[in-house]
Amino acid sequence: MQRMVRLTRIISGRVGNRVVNFIKMKKYIVLIILLQLVSCEKDKYCSDVIRGKPDHLISEQDLNTVKSLFKSNYLSLDNFQVYLLQKDELGHRHVRCFQYVNDLNIFSDDVIFHFDNTGHYYFLSGDIISGIDIDPLPKLDREAVVQLFLKSVEDDGHYSYKLKDLEDRCFSCELGYWDLNAGISYTDPDFRLAWRVRQEGQAYPVAIINDTENKLICYDNGIRY
């Protein structure tokens, strides 16, 4: 009889422990789900505002070539991010760069440095911007610029059907500058603090948004005919 009582207590204890452990596990699962929901809400745009010059976008071997070309021609890479090194059939090298002022990307003004087959620098495509006297602190926040981006997608007949899907995605919001006179000959630059917004990890669609005037500068869905 005593053995039966003892056995019953042991079984009851094990069952009780399992019940307690199950309840604890459920609490942990609920907590994890809640934390994920909070995290999704907190990280709605998935990344901080992008600013500052990142690493170059070419291989280490190509970067060493570019550094050698720049050094031998007394050129500085300080305000440039190299995104492509090309070599043509004549052996000439062409270094394509994004340029940065006040630690912000100038979206409208890429430059290309051209070097002949002896490594001599002979031409520059584009204009080097040495300074922009505009307050780099934005007036808009990420939510405002993302809404403007989504409105542009909604107005785009090629992408509007993806709007619902886009609304649940992460967004890349980069702060920089845009020249309103870009591409217009014989005009002085007219820079504005601007945002480049697109789905994170995707090149298109992309919108450039005027931070000062809270409006779209340009939109590109990437479709070419």
Protein backbone atom coordinates (compact mmCIF):
# COMPACT_ATOMS: atom_id res chain seq x y z
CA MET A 1 0.00 0.00 0.00
CA GLN A 2 2.80 2.36 0.94
CA ARG A 3 4.52 1.52 -2.36
CA MET A 4 1.32 2.37 -4.24
CA VAL A 5 1.04 5.70 -2.43
CA ARG A 6 4.71 6.46 -3.08
CA LEU A 7 4.34 5.49 -6.75
CA THR A 8 1.23 7.65 -7.08
CA ARG A 9 3.11 10.61 -5.57
CA ILE A 10 6.02 10.10 -7.98
CA ILE A 11 3.69 9.92 -10.99
CA SER A 12 1.74 12.93 -9.76
CA GLY A 13 4.96 14.83 -9.25
CA ARG A 14 6.21 14.02 -12.75
CA VAL A 15 2.92 14.95 -14.33
CA GLY A 16 2.83 18.13 -12.30
CA ASN A 17 6.35 19.05 -13.39
CA ARG A 18 5.44 18.41 -17.01
CA VAL A 19 2.38 20.61 -16.69
CA VAL A 20 4.44 23.37 -15.07
CA ASN A 21 7.13 23.06 -17.77
CA PHE A 22 4.47 23.13 -20.49
CA ILE A 23 2.94 26.28 -19.00
CA LYS A 24 6.39 27.90 -18.80
CA MET A 25 7.09 26.91 -22.41
CA LYS A 26 3.82 28.46 -23.53
CA LYS A 27 4.73 31.66 -21.70
CA TYR A 28 8.12 31.73 -23.43
CA ILE A 29 6.52 31.15 -26.84
CA VAL A 30 4.00 33.93 -26.24
CA LEU A 31 6.83 36.22 -25.08
CA ILE A 32 8.89 35.44 -28.19
CA ILE A 33 5.92 36.16 -30.46
CA LEU A 34 5.24 39.44 -28.68
CA LEU A 35 8.91 40.44 -28.95
CA GLN A 36 8.87 39.65 -32.67
CA LEU A 37 5.76 41.75 -33.16
CA VAL A 38 7.31 44.64 -31.25
CA SER A 39 10.53 44.21 -33.22
CA CYS A 40 8.64 44.28 -36.52
CA GLU A 41 6.84 47.46 -35.48
CA LYS A 42 10.04 49.04 -34.18
CA ASP A 43 12.06 48.02 -37.26
CA LYS A 44 9.34 48.83 -39.76
CA TYR A 45 11.92 50.25 -42.13
CA CYS A 46 14.48 47.60 -41.11
CA SER A 47 17.54 49.84 -41.13
CA ASP A 48 18.70 53.22 -39.92
CA VAL A 49 18.87 56.22 -42.22
CA ILE A 50 21.86 55.68 -44.51
CA ARG A 51 24.46 58.42 -44.41
CA GLY A 52 28.23 58.54 -44.69
CA LYS A 53 30.63 57.11 -47.27
CA PRO A 54 30.59 53.29 -47.20
CA ASP A 55 33.29 50.94 -48.44
CA HIS A 56 34.18 50.80 -52.12
CA LEU A 57 32.09 48.44 -54.25
CA ILE A 58 34.88 46.72 -56.20
CA SER A 59 37.20 43.80 -55.50
CA GLU A 60 40.34 44.25 -53.44
CA GLN A 61 42.47 43.61 -56.53
CA ASP A 62 40.65 46.30 -58.54
CA LEU A 63 40.78 48.69 -55.59
CA ASN A 64 44.56 48.28 -55.35
CA THR A 65 44.76 49.16 -59.07
CA VAL A 66 42.60 52.25 -58.54
CA LYS A 67 44.65 53.36 -55.53
CA SER A 68 47.85 53.02 -57.56
CA LEU A 69 46.38 55.05 -60.44
CA PHE A 70 45.18 57.80 -58.12
CA LYS A 71 48.41 57.94 -56.14
CA SER A 72 50.64 58.15 -59.24
CA ASN A 73 48.50 61.03 -60.55
CA TYR A 74 48.28 62.88 -57.21
CA LEU A 75 44.52 62.33 -56.94
CA SER A 76 42.61 61.79 -53.72
CA LEU A 77 39.96 59.11 -53.14
CA ASP A 78 38.77 60.70 -49.90
CA ASN A 79 35.40 61.95 -51.17
CA PHE A 80 34.71 59.13 -53.62
CA GLN A 81 33.23 55.66 -53.47
CA VAL A 82 34.43 53.56 -56.41
CA TYR A 83 31.68 51.34 -57.81
CA LEU A 84 33.23 50.17 -61.09
CA LEU A 85 36.64 49.81 -62.76
CA GLN A 86 36.57 49.22 -66.51
CA LYS A 87 39.37 48.50 -68.99
CA ASP A 88 38.70 49.03 -72.68
CA GLU A 89 40.27 47.46 -75.80
CA LEU A 90 42.97 50.18 -75.86
CA GLY A 91 44.06 49.37 -72.33
CA HIS A 92 42.54 52.58 -70.95
CA ARG A 93 41.00 52.34 -67.50
CA HIS A 94 37.85 54.14 -66.41
CA VAL A 95 37.05 54.55 -62.72
CA ARG A 96 33.39 55.25 -61.93
CA CYS A 97 32.66 56.85 -58.58
CA PHE A 98 29.91 58.19 -56.38
CA GLN A 99 31.01 61.40 -54.71
CA TYR A 100 30.35 62.57 -51.18
CA VAL A 101 30.16 66.04 -49.62
CA ASN A 102 29.49 66.65 -45.93
CA ASP A 103 29.53 62.85 -45.64
CA LEU A 104 26.44 62.62 -47.89
CA ASN A 105 26.09 61.05 -51.33
CA ILE A 106 25.46 63.41 -54.26
CA PHE A 107 22.89 61.28 -56.06
CA SER A 108 22.87 63.37 -59.23
CA ASP A 109 26.61 63.74 -59.82
CA ASP A 110 28.63 60.56 -60.40
CA VAL A 111 32.07 61.07 -61.91
CA ILE A 112 34.38 58.98 -64.11
CA PHE A 113 38.17 59.28 -64.01
CA HIS A 114 39.87 58.24 -67.27
CA PHE A 115 43.44 56.90 -67.45
CA ASP A 116 45.35 55.93 -70.61
CA ASN A 117 47.24 52.66 -71.12
CA THR A 118 50.31 54.10 -69.37
CA GLY A 119 48.26 54.98 -66.26
CA HIS A 120 48.24 58.71 -67.01
CA TYR A 121 45.10 60.59 -65.95
CA TYR A 122 43.78 62.52 -68.94
CA PHE A 123 40.07 63.28 -68.53
CA LEU A 124 37.19 63.60 -66.07
CA SER A 125 33.56 62.96 -66.96
CA GLY A 126 31.32 65.00 -64.68
CA ASP A 127 32.09 67.75 -62.19
CA ILE A 128 33.81 67.39 -58.83
CA ILE A 129 31.71 69.11 -56.17
CA SER A 130 33.96 70.56 -53.49
CA GLY A 131 31.29 71.88 -51.11
CA ILE A 132 27.56 72.30 -50.57
CA ASP A 133 26.34 74.91 -48.10
CA ILE A 134 23.11 73.20 -47.03
CA ASP A 135 22.20 72.07 -43.53
CA PRO A 136 22.58 68.26 -43.60
CA LEU A 137 19.90 67.77 -40.91
CA PRO A 138 16.68 66.60 -42.57
CA LYS A 139 13.21 67.99 -41.94
CA LEU A 140 11.45 64.81 -42.98
CA ASP A 141 11.62 61.44 -41.24
CA ARG A 142 11.65 57.95 -42.71
CA GLU A 143 7.90 57.47 -42.38
CA ALA A 144 7.20 60.63 -44.40
CA VAL A 145 9.59 59.77 -47.25
CA VAL A 146 8.42 56.15 -47.41
CA GLN A 147 4.82 57.34 -47.77
CA LEU A 148 5.87 59.60 -50.65
CA PHE A 149 7.68 56.66 -52.22
CA LEU A 150 4.62 54.41 -51.89
CA LYS A 151 2.44 57.15 -53.40
CA SER A 152 4.79 57.21 -56.42
CA VAL A 153 4.50 53.43 -56.74
CA GLU A 154 0.71 53.70 -56.52
CA ASP A 155 0.73 56.20 -59.39
CA ASP A 156 2.97 53.92 -61.48
CA GLY A 157 0.88 51.69 -63.72
CA HIS A 158 3.70 49.13 -63.92
CA TYR A 159 4.13 48.68 -60.17
CA SER A 160 0.85 49.72 -58.56
CA TYR A 161 -0.32 46.10 -58.40
CA LYS A 162 2.65 45.38 -56.06
CA LEU A 163 1.77 48.17 -53.65
CA LYS A 164 0.25 45.92 -50.96
CA ASP A 165 3.27 43.65 -51.10
CA LEU A 166 5.67 46.60 -50.91
CA GLU A 167 3.95 48.05 -47.84
CA ASP A 168 5.10 45.02 -45.82
CA ARG A 169 8.70 45.18 -47.01
CA CYS A 170 11.81 46.83 -45.63
CA PHE A 171 12.91 50.16 -47.09
CA SER A 172 16.28 51.71 -47.72
CA CYS A 173 16.24 55.46 -46.94
CA GLU A 174 19.47 57.24 -47.82
CA LEU A 175 20.06 60.92 -47.16
CA GLY A 176 22.08 62.90 -49.70
CA TYR A 177 21.98 65.75 -52.21
CA TRP A 178 20.38 66.25 -55.60
CA ASP A 179 21.09 68.95 -58.18
CA LEU A 180 17.78 70.19 -59.62
CA ASN A 181 19.72 71.43 -62.68
CA ALA A 182 21.44 68.10 -63.30
CA GLY A 183 21.64 67.39 -67.03
CA ILE A 184 20.85 70.98 -68.02
CA SER A 185 23.73 72.65 -69.87
CA TYR A 186 25.12 76.08 -68.96
CA THR A 187 23.38 76.30 -65.59
CA ASP A 188 24.72 76.60 -62.07
CA PRO A 189 24.09 73.71 -59.66
CA ASP A 190 20.93 74.00 -57.57
CA PHE A 191 21.37 71.45 -54.80
CA ARG A 192 18.72 70.26 -52.38
CA LEU A 193 18.91 67.95 -49.40
CA ALA A 194 17.22 64.81 -50.70
CA TRP A 195 16.28 61.22 -49.92
CA ARG A 196 16.75 58.16 -52.09
CA VAL A 197 14.11 55.59 -51.17
CA ARG A 198 13.59 52.05 -52.44
CA GLN A 199 12.83 48.57 -51.24
CA GLU A 200 15.81 47.22 -49.32
CA GLY A 201 17.99 45.03 -51.52
CA GLN A 202 16.34 46.21 -54.75
CA ALA A 203 17.55 48.80 -57.26
CA TYR A 204 14.06 49.66 -58.55
CA PRO A 205 11.62 51.23 -58.17
CA VAL A 206 13.47 54.18 -56.64
CA ALA A 207 12.36 57.69 -55.73
CA ILE A 208 14.36 60.87 -55.05
CA ILE A 209 12.49 63.12 -52.61
CA ASN A 210 13.12 66.80 -51.89
CA ASP A 211 13.54 67.09 -48.12
CA THR A 212 13.11 70.88 -48.09
CA GLU A 213 9.87 70.99 -50.07
CA ASN A 214 8.48 67.60 -49.04
CA LYS A 215 7.84 66.48 -52.61
CA LEU A 216 9.01 64.05 -55.26
CA ILE A 217 11.95 65.10 -57.45
CA CYS A 218 12.02 62.04 -59.68
CA TYR A 219 10.91 58.43 -59.80
CA ASP A 220 12.34 55.51 -61.79
CA ASN A 221 10.74 52.08 -62.06
CA GLY A 222 13.75 50.67 -63.91
CA ILE A 223 11.75 49.71 -67.00
CA ARG A 224 13.58 50.54 -70.24
CA TYR A 225 12.13 50.32 -73.75
